[in-house]
Amino acid sequence: MKLIEAADATSIITTVIGYFTQNWPALAILIGFGVGLKLFRSFGNRGLKGRF
């Protein structure tokens, strides 16, 4: 049972990796958006004294 689960997990991981290597621009945009949002939030927190 554990072997089957592990095989499923590895196949899922390889599928996801394959998907992201094919669509790396989308992944880059997603990461960039996440980083930008994080920076914007920390900047907003400093600017609005914790109201944002």
Protein backbone atom coordinates (compact mmCIF):
# COMPACT_ATOMS: atom_id res chain seq x y z
CA MET A 1 0.00 0.00 0.00
CA LYS A 2 2.75 2.46 0.96
CA LEU A 3 4.65 1.66 -2.25
CA ILE A 4 1.58 2.46 -4.36
CA GLU A 5 1.07 5.75 -2.50
CA ALA A 6 4.74 6.65 -2.97
CA ALA A 7 4.54 5.83 -6.69
CA ASP A 8 1.43 8.00 -7.01
CA ALA A 9 3.15 10.85 -5.17
CA THR A 10 6.26 10.68 -7.38
CA SER A 11 4.16 10.54 -10.56
CA ILE A 12 2.14 13.55 -9.36
CA ILE A 13 5.36 15.44 -8.52
CA THR A 14 6.95 14.64 -11.89
CA THR A 15 3.74 15.70 -13.67
CA VAL A 16 3.69 19.00 -11.76
CA ILE A 17 7.41 19.59 -12.44
CA GLY A 18 6.87 18.79 -16.13
CA TYR A 19 3.93 21.21 -16.25
CA PHE A 20 5.92 24.03 -14.65
CA THR A 21 9.01 23.46 -16.82
CA GLN A 22 6.75 23.77 -19.88
CA ASN A 23 4.96 26.81 -18.43
CA TRP A 24 7.84 28.52 -16.61
CA PRO A 25 6.73 32.04 -17.67
CA ALA A 26 3.42 31.50 -15.84
CA LEU A 27 5.33 30.23 -12.79
CA ALA A 28 7.68 33.24 -12.93
CA ILE A 29 4.69 35.60 -13.08
CA LEU A 30 3.06 33.77 -10.16
CA ILE A 31 6.25 34.02 -8.04
CA GLY A 32 6.75 37.67 -9.03
CA PHE A 33 3.16 38.46 -8.08
CA GLY A 34 3.56 36.72 -4.72
CA VAL A 35 6.78 38.59 -3.93
CA GLY A 36 5.25 41.89 -5.07
CA LEU A 37 2.18 41.34 -2.90
CA LYS A 38 4.38 40.53 0.12
CA LEU A 39 6.46 43.69 -0.39
CA PHE A 40 3.33 45.79 -0.93
CA ARG A 41 1.80 44.45 2.29
CA SER A 42 4.90 45.11 4.40
CA PHE A 43 5.15 48.61 2.88
CA GLY A 44 1.45 49.20 3.58
CA ASN A 45 1.85 48.02 7.18
CA ARG A 46 4.69 50.48 7.72
CA GLY A 47 2.87 53.33 5.98
CA LEU A 48 -0.52 52.91 7.64
CA LYS A 49 0.84 51.91 11.07
CA GLY A 50 -0.75 48.44 11.02
CA ARG A 51 -4.20 49.43 9.75
CA PHE A 52 -3.74 47.73 6.35
